[in-house]
Amino acid sequence: MNDLKFRILEIKKNPDVTTITAECVEDGTSVTASIPSIFVYDKYFVKSSLEQAYIQATQESCVKVGEII
């Protein structure tokens, strides 16, 4: 997952939350991550947030309704 690269398309910065829209370079999947504005200067945090949004957009949940885990 560390080899994913994202092209930043839009940044909407507010005092408390910044919303970043990006596109995965490999497959063109568009993702949006909302992060606390204080972390917008931390590239590792931003990339991790985009990776998490990518996983949520492209993969099914590993748990099913009614399943006991």
PDB file of N, CA and C in Angstrom:
ATOM      1  N   MET A   1       0.819  -1.207   0.000  1.00  0.00           N
ATOM      2  CA  MET A   1       0.000   0.000   0.000  1.00  0.00           C
ATOM      3  C   MET A   1       0.862   1.270   0.000  1.00  0.00           C
ATOM      4  N   ASN A   2       2.105   1.176   0.423  1.00  0.00           N
ATOM      5  CA  ASN A   2       2.962   2.353   0.477  1.00  0.00           C
ATOM      6  C   ASN A   2       3.354   2.873  -0.897  1.00  0.00           C
ATOM      7  N   ASP A   3       3.148   2.061  -1.950  1.00  0.00           N
ATOM      8  CA  ASP A   3       3.526   2.489  -3.277  1.00  0.00           C
ATOM      9  C   ASP A   3       2.434   3.278  -3.985  1.00  0.00           C
ATOM     10  N   LEU A   4       1.285   3.483  -3.350  1.00  0.00           N
ATOM     11  CA  LEU A   4       0.236   4.299  -3.948  1.00  0.00           C
ATOM     12  C   LEU A   4       0.692   5.747  -4.026  1.00  0.00           C
ATOM     13  N   LYS A   5       0.365   6.374  -5.150  1.00  0.00           N
ATOM     14  CA  LYS A   5       0.678   7.792  -5.323  1.00  0.00           C
ATOM     15  C   LYS A   5      -0.611   8.507  -5.679  1.00  0.00           C
ATOM     16  N   PHE A   6      -0.753   9.724  -5.165  1.00  0.00           N
ATOM     17  CA  PHE A   6      -1.963  10.503  -5.377  1.00  0.00           C
ATOM     18  C   PHE A   6      -1.629  11.862  -5.971  1.00  0.00           C
ATOM     19  N   ARG A   7      -2.444  12.287  -6.929  1.00  0.00           N
ATOM     20  CA  ARG A   7      -2.346  13.629  -7.495  1.00  0.00           C
ATOM     21  C   ARG A   7      -3.398  14.478  -6.790  1.00  0.00           C
ATOM     22  N   ILE A   8      -2.950  15.520  -6.123  1.00  0.00           N
ATOM     23  CA  ILE A   8      -3.864  16.394  -5.390  1.00  0.00           C
ATOM     24  C   ILE A   8      -4.645  17.236  -6.395  1.00  0.00           C
ATOM     25  N   LEU A   9      -5.963  17.178  -6.312  1.00  0.00           N
ATOM     26  CA  LEU A   9      -6.818  17.912  -7.236  1.00  0.00           C
ATOM     27  C   LEU A   9      -7.387  19.187  -6.627  1.00  0.00           C
ATOM     28  N   GLU A  10      -7.702  19.123  -5.330  1.00  0.00           N
ATOM     29  CA  GLU A  10      -8.339  20.272  -4.686  1.00  0.00           C
ATOM     30  C   GLU A  10      -8.070  20.242  -3.187  1.00  0.00           C
ATOM     31  N   ILE A  11      -7.869  21.415  -2.620  1.00  0.00           N
ATOM     32  CA  ILE A  11      -7.709  21.558  -1.176  1.00  0.00           C
ATOM     33  C   ILE A  11      -8.660  22.656  -0.712  1.00  0.00           C
ATOM     34  N   LYS A  12      -9.570  22.298   0.177  1.00  0.00           N
ATOM     35  CA  LYS A  12     -10.488  23.271   0.776  1.00  0.00           C
ATOM     36  C   LYS A  12     -10.103  23.400   2.242  1.00  0.00           C
ATOM     37  N   LYS A  13      -9.475  24.509   2.573  1.00  0.00           N
ATOM     38  CA  LYS A  13      -8.960  24.696   3.919  1.00  0.00           C
ATOM     39  C   LYS A  13      -9.906  25.572   4.734  1.00  0.00           C
ATOM     40  N   ASN A  14     -10.320  25.044   5.859  1.00  0.00           N
ATOM     41  CA  ASN A  14     -11.129  25.768   6.831  1.00  0.00           C
ATOM     42  C   ASN A  14     -10.339  25.814   8.134  1.00  0.00           C
ATOM     43  N   PRO A  15     -10.750  26.639   9.078  1.00  0.00           N
ATOM     44  CA  PRO A  15      -9.990  26.732  10.326  1.00  0.00           C
ATOM     45  C   PRO A  15      -9.861  25.408  11.086  1.00  0.00           C
ATOM     46  N   ASP A  16     -10.888  24.568  11.024  1.00  0.00           N
ATOM     47  CA  ASP A  16     -10.841  23.332  11.806  1.00  0.00           C
ATOM     48  C   ASP A  16     -10.616  22.072  10.977  1.00  0.00           C
ATOM     49  N   VAL A  17     -11.179  21.997   9.773  1.00  0.00           N
ATOM     50  CA  VAL A  17     -11.057  20.800   8.930  1.00  0.00           C
ATOM     51  C   VAL A  17     -10.646  21.197   7.513  1.00  0.00           C
ATOM     52  N   THR A  18      -9.699  20.461   6.973  1.00  0.00           N
ATOM     53  CA  THR A  18      -9.285  20.649   5.589  1.00  0.00           C
ATOM     54  C   THR A  18      -9.712  19.424   4.793  1.00  0.00           C
ATOM     55  N   THR A  19     -10.339  19.659   3.649  1.00  0.00           N
ATOM     56  CA  THR A  19     -10.782  18.582   2.783  1.00  0.00           C
ATOM     57  C   THR A  19      -9.874  18.540   1.560  1.00  0.00           C
ATOM     58  N   ILE A  20      -9.289  17.363   1.325  1.00  0.00           N
ATOM     59  CA  ILE A  20      -8.372  17.182   0.206  1.00  0.00           C
ATOM     60  C   ILE A  20      -8.973  16.160  -0.746  1.00  0.00           C
ATOM     61  N   THR A  21      -9.110  16.543  -1.997  1.00  0.00           N
ATOM     62  CA  THR A  21      -9.569  15.635  -3.037  1.00  0.00           C
ATOM     63  C   THR A  21      -8.363  15.280  -3.886  1.00  0.00           C
ATOM     64  N   ALA A  22      -8.196  13.984  -4.124  1.00  0.00           N
ATOM     65  CA  ALA A  22      -7.036  13.519  -4.878  1.00  0.00           C
ATOM     66  C   ALA A  22      -7.449  12.373  -5.787  1.00  0.00           C
ATOM     67  N   GLU A  23      -6.556  12.078  -6.730  1.00  0.00           N
ATOM     68  CA  GLU A  23      -6.776  10.986  -7.668  1.00  0.00           C
ATOM     69  C   GLU A  23      -5.601  10.021  -7.565  1.00  0.00           C
ATOM     70  N   CYS A  24      -5.907   8.736  -7.468  1.00  0.00           N
ATOM     71  CA  CYS A  24      -4.867   7.721  -7.433  1.00  0.00           C
ATOM     72  C   CYS A  24      -4.221   7.657  -8.819  1.00  0.00           C
ATOM     73  N   VAL A  25      -2.907   7.793  -8.879  1.00  0.00           N
ATOM     74  CA  VAL A  25      -2.194   7.812 -10.150  1.00  0.00           C
ATOM     75  C   VAL A  25      -2.312   6.473 -10.864  1.00  0.00           C
ATOM     76  N   GLU A  26      -2.315   5.359 -10.124  1.00  0.00           N
ATOM     77  CA  GLU A  26      -2.316   4.030 -10.725  1.00  0.00           C
ATOM     78  C   GLU A  26      -3.612   3.696 -11.461  1.00  0.00           C
ATOM     79  N   ASP A  27      -4.772   3.989 -10.842  1.00  0.00           N
ATOM     80  CA  ASP A  27      -6.027   3.568 -11.464  1.00  0.00           C
ATOM     81  C   ASP A  27      -7.056   4.683 -11.645  1.00  0.00           C
ATOM     82  N   GLY A  28      -6.735   5.902 -11.270  1.00  0.00           N
ATOM     83  CA  GLY A  28      -7.628   7.035 -11.492  1.00  0.00           C
ATOM     84  C   GLY A  28      -8.770   7.152 -10.507  1.00  0.00           C
ATOM     85  N   THR A  29      -8.775   6.343  -9.454  1.00  0.00           N
ATOM     86  CA  THR A  29      -9.826   6.427  -8.441  1.00  0.00           C
ATOM     87  C   THR A  29      -9.737   7.764  -7.714  1.00  0.00           C
ATOM     88  N   SER A  30     -10.852   8.461  -7.644  1.00  0.00           N
ATOM     89  CA  SER A  30     -10.907   9.748  -6.955  1.00  0.00           C
ATOM     90  C   SER A  30     -11.309   9.522  -5.503  1.00  0.00           C
ATOM     91  N   VAL A  31     -10.589  10.140  -4.572  1.00  0.00           N
ATOM     92  CA  VAL A  31     -10.876  10.000  -3.149  1.00  0.00           C
ATOM     93  C   VAL A  31     -10.869  11.371  -2.486  1.00  0.00           C
ATOM     94  N   THR A  32     -11.581  11.453  -1.379  1.00  0.00           N
ATOM     95  CA  THR A  32     -11.623  12.682  -0.592  1.00  0.00           C
ATOM     96  C   THR A  32     -11.339  12.330   0.863  1.00  0.00           C
ATOM     97  N   ALA A  33     -10.466  13.110   1.475  1.00  0.00           N
ATOM     98  CA  ALA A  33     -10.148  12.909   2.885  1.00  0.00           C
ATOM     99  C   ALA A  33     -10.339  14.233   3.620  1.00  0.00           C
ATOM    100  N   SER A  34     -11.036  14.179   4.727  1.00  0.00           N
ATOM    101  CA  SER A  34     -11.202  15.347   5.597  1.00  0.00           C
ATOM    102  C   SER A  34     -10.331  15.131   6.818  1.00  0.00           C
ATOM    103  N   ILE A  35      -9.411  16.056   7.041  1.00  0.00           N
ATOM    104  CA  ILE A  35      -8.465  15.910   8.148  1.00  0.00           C
ATOM    105  C   ILE A  35      -8.450  17.184   8.977  1.00  0.00           C
ATOM    106  N   PRO A  36      -8.081  17.081  10.245  1.00  0.00           N
ATOM    107  CA  PRO A  36      -7.937  18.292  11.053  1.00  0.00           C
ATOM    108  C   PRO A  36      -6.899  19.223  10.403  1.00  0.00           C
ATOM    109  N   SER A  37      -7.231  20.486  10.297  1.00  0.00           N
ATOM    110  CA  SER A  37      -6.355  21.437   9.607  1.00  0.00           C
ATOM    111  C   SER A  37      -4.955  21.509  10.198  1.00  0.00           C
ATOM    112  N   ILE A  38      -4.822  21.215  11.467  1.00  0.00           N
ATOM    113  CA  ILE A  38      -3.508  21.267  12.110  1.00  0.00           C
ATOM    114  C   ILE A  38      -2.550  20.232  11.506  1.00  0.00           C
ATOM    115  N   PHE A  39      -3.092  19.145  10.916  1.00  0.00           N
ATOM    116  CA  PHE A  39      -2.259  18.089  10.341  1.00  0.00           C
ATOM    117  C   PHE A  39      -2.006  18.242   8.847  1.00  0.00           C
ATOM    118  N   VAL A  40      -2.527  19.291   8.232  1.00  0.00           N
ATOM    119  CA  VAL A  40      -2.395  19.447   6.782  1.00  0.00           C
ATOM    120  C   VAL A  40      -0.935  19.649   6.354  1.00  0.00           C
ATOM    121  N   TYR A  41      -0.075  20.013   7.270  1.00  0.00           N
ATOM    122  CA  TYR A  41       1.341  20.234   6.947  1.00  0.00           C
ATOM    123  C   TYR A  41       2.177  18.970   7.119  1.00  0.00           C
ATOM    124  N   ASP A  42       1.553  17.892   7.542  1.00  0.00           N
ATOM    125  CA  ASP A  42       2.240  16.617   7.752  1.00  0.00           C
ATOM    126  C   ASP A  42       1.925  15.697   6.568  1.00  0.00           C
ATOM    127  N   LYS A  43       2.851  15.594   5.596  1.00  0.00           N
ATOM    128  CA  LYS A  43       2.605  14.807   4.385  1.00  0.00           C
ATOM    129  C   LYS A  43       2.312  13.345   4.698  1.00  0.00           C
ATOM    130  N   TYR A  44       2.969  12.785   5.708  1.00  0.00           N
ATOM    131  CA  TYR A  44       2.726  11.389   6.074  1.00  0.00           C
ATOM    132  C   TYR A  44       1.274  11.211   6.513  1.00  0.00           C
ATOM    133  N   PHE A  45       0.765  12.121   7.319  1.00  0.00           N
ATOM    134  CA  PHE A  45      -0.618  12.039   7.795  1.00  0.00           C
ATOM    135  C   PHE A  45      -1.590  12.199   6.626  1.00  0.00           C
ATOM    136  N   VAL A  46      -1.318  13.140   5.744  1.00  0.00           N
ATOM    137  CA  VAL A  46      -2.189  13.370   4.587  1.00  0.00           C
ATOM    138  C   VAL A  46      -2.216  12.131   3.699  1.00  0.00           C
ATOM    139  N   LYS A  47      -1.038  11.563   3.396  1.00  0.00           N
ATOM    140  CA  LYS A  47      -0.986  10.377   2.543  1.00  0.00           C
ATOM    141  C   LYS A  47      -1.699   9.202   3.210  1.00  0.00           C
ATOM    142  N   SER A  48      -1.508   9.031   4.499  1.00  0.00           N
ATOM    143  CA  SER A  48      -2.189   7.949   5.213  1.00  0.00           C
ATOM    144  C   SER A  48      -3.702   8.114   5.144  1.00  0.00           C
ATOM    145  N   SER A  49      -4.174   9.341   5.266  1.00  0.00           N
ATOM    146  CA  SER A  49      -5.611   9.612   5.184  1.00  0.00           C
ATOM    147  C   SER A  49      -6.144   9.314   3.788  1.00  0.00           C
ATOM    148  N   LEU A  50      -5.377   9.680   2.756  1.00  0.00           N
ATOM    149  CA  LEU A  50      -5.790   9.383   1.387  1.00  0.00           C
ATOM    150  C   LEU A  50      -5.777   7.885   1.117  1.00  0.00           C
ATOM    151  N   GLU A  51      -4.780   7.175   1.652  1.00  0.00           N
ATOM    152  CA  GLU A  51      -4.727   5.724   1.489  1.00  0.00           C
ATOM    153  C   GLU A  51      -5.930   5.064   2.145  1.00  0.00           C
ATOM    154  N   GLN A  52      -6.306   5.530   3.325  1.00  0.00           N
ATOM    155  CA  GLN A  52      -7.471   4.976   4.021  1.00  0.00           C
ATOM    156  C   GLN A  52      -8.742   5.227   3.219  1.00  0.00           C
ATOM    157  N   ALA A  53      -8.877   6.424   2.663  1.00  0.00           N
ATOM    158  CA  ALA A  53     -10.041   6.731   1.829  1.00  0.00           C
ATOM    159  C   ALA A  53     -10.054   5.858   0.581  1.00  0.00           C
ATOM    160  N   TYR A  54      -8.885   5.585   0.022  1.00  0.00           N
ATOM    161  CA  TYR A  54      -8.776   4.721  -1.159  1.00  0.00           C
ATOM    162  C   TYR A  54      -9.227   3.299  -0.832  1.00  0.00           C
ATOM    163  N   ILE A  55      -8.778   2.782   0.295  1.00  0.00           N
ATOM    164  CA  ILE A  55      -9.172   1.435   0.715  1.00  0.00           C
ATOM    165  C   ILE A  55     -10.686   1.361   0.890  1.00  0.00           C
ATOM    166  N   GLN A  56     -11.261   2.369   1.521  1.00  0.00           N
ATOM    167  CA  GLN A  56     -12.712   2.375   1.727  1.00  0.00           C
ATOM    168  C   GLN A  56     -13.461   2.459   0.408  1.00  0.00           C
ATOM    169  N   ALA A  57     -12.882   3.143  -0.582  1.00  0.00           N
ATOM    170  CA  ALA A  57     -13.551   3.303  -1.874  1.00  0.00           C
ATOM    171  C   ALA A  57     -13.425   2.079  -2.769  1.00  0.00           C
ATOM    172  N   THR A  58     -12.391   1.269  -2.577  1.00  0.00           N
ATOM    173  CA  THR A  58     -12.124   0.196  -3.535  1.00  0.00           C
ATOM    174  C   THR A  58     -12.312  -1.214  -2.995  1.00  0.00           C
ATOM    175  N   GLN A  59     -12.459  -1.375  -1.706  1.00  0.00           N
ATOM    176  CA  GLN A  59     -12.565  -2.723  -1.165  1.00  0.00           C
ATOM    177  C   GLN A  59     -13.830  -2.885  -0.351  1.00  0.00           C
ATOM    178  N   GLU A  60     -14.327  -4.108  -0.345  1.00  0.00           N
ATOM    179  CA  GLU A  60     -15.500  -4.422   0.461  1.00  0.00           C
ATOM    180  C   GLU A  60     -15.091  -4.614   1.913  1.00  0.00           C
ATOM    181  N   SER A  61     -16.030  -4.416   2.791  1.00  0.00           N
ATOM    182  CA  SER A  61     -15.793  -4.654   4.209  1.00  0.00           C
ATOM    183  C   SER A  61     -15.523  -6.139   4.439  1.00  0.00           C
ATOM    184  N   CYS A  62     -14.648  -6.432   5.372  1.00  0.00           N
ATOM    185  CA  CYS A  62     -14.320  -7.829   5.648  1.00  0.00           C
ATOM    186  C   CYS A  62     -15.336  -8.472   6.586  1.00  0.00           C
ATOM    187  N   VAL A  63     -16.264  -7.693   7.137  1.00  0.00           N
ATOM    188  CA  VAL A  63     -17.286  -8.260   8.015  1.00  0.00           C
ATOM    189  C   VAL A  63     -18.637  -8.188   7.328  1.00  0.00           C
ATOM    190  N   LYS A  64     -19.494  -9.103   7.680  1.00  0.00           N
ATOM    191  CA  LYS A  64     -20.837  -9.192   7.094  1.00  0.00           C
ATOM    192  C   LYS A  64     -21.876  -9.002   8.196  1.00  0.00           C
ATOM    193  N   VAL A  65     -23.060  -8.538   7.822  1.00  0.00           N
ATOM    194  CA  VAL A  65     -24.157  -8.360   8.763  1.00  0.00           C
ATOM    195  C   VAL A  65     -24.511  -9.719   9.359  1.00  0.00           C
ATOM    196  N   GLY A  66     -24.638  -9.770  10.651  1.00  0.00           N
ATOM    197  CA  GLY A  66     -24.987 -10.995  11.339  1.00  0.00           C
ATOM    198  C   GLY A  66     -23.804 -11.865  11.730  1.00  0.00           C
ATOM    199  N   GLU A  67     -22.636 -11.499  11.253  1.00  0.00           N
ATOM    200  CA  GLU A  67     -21.442 -12.293  11.547  1.00  0.00           C
ATOM    201  C   GLU A  67     -21.011 -12.048  12.998  1.00  0.00           C
ATOM    202  N   ILE A  68     -20.563 -13.110  13.646  1.00  0.00           N
ATOM    203  CA  ILE A  68     -20.028 -12.999  15.004  1.00  0.00           C
ATOM    204  C   ILE A  68     -18.523 -13.034  14.902  1.00  0.00           C
ATOM    205  N   ILE A  69     -17.888 -11.993  15.422  1.00  0.00           N
ATOM    206  CA  ILE A  69     -16.423 -11.939  15.353  1.00  0.00           C
ATOM    207  C   ILE A  69     -15.820 -11.884  16.727  1.00  0.00           C
TER     208      ILE A  69
END
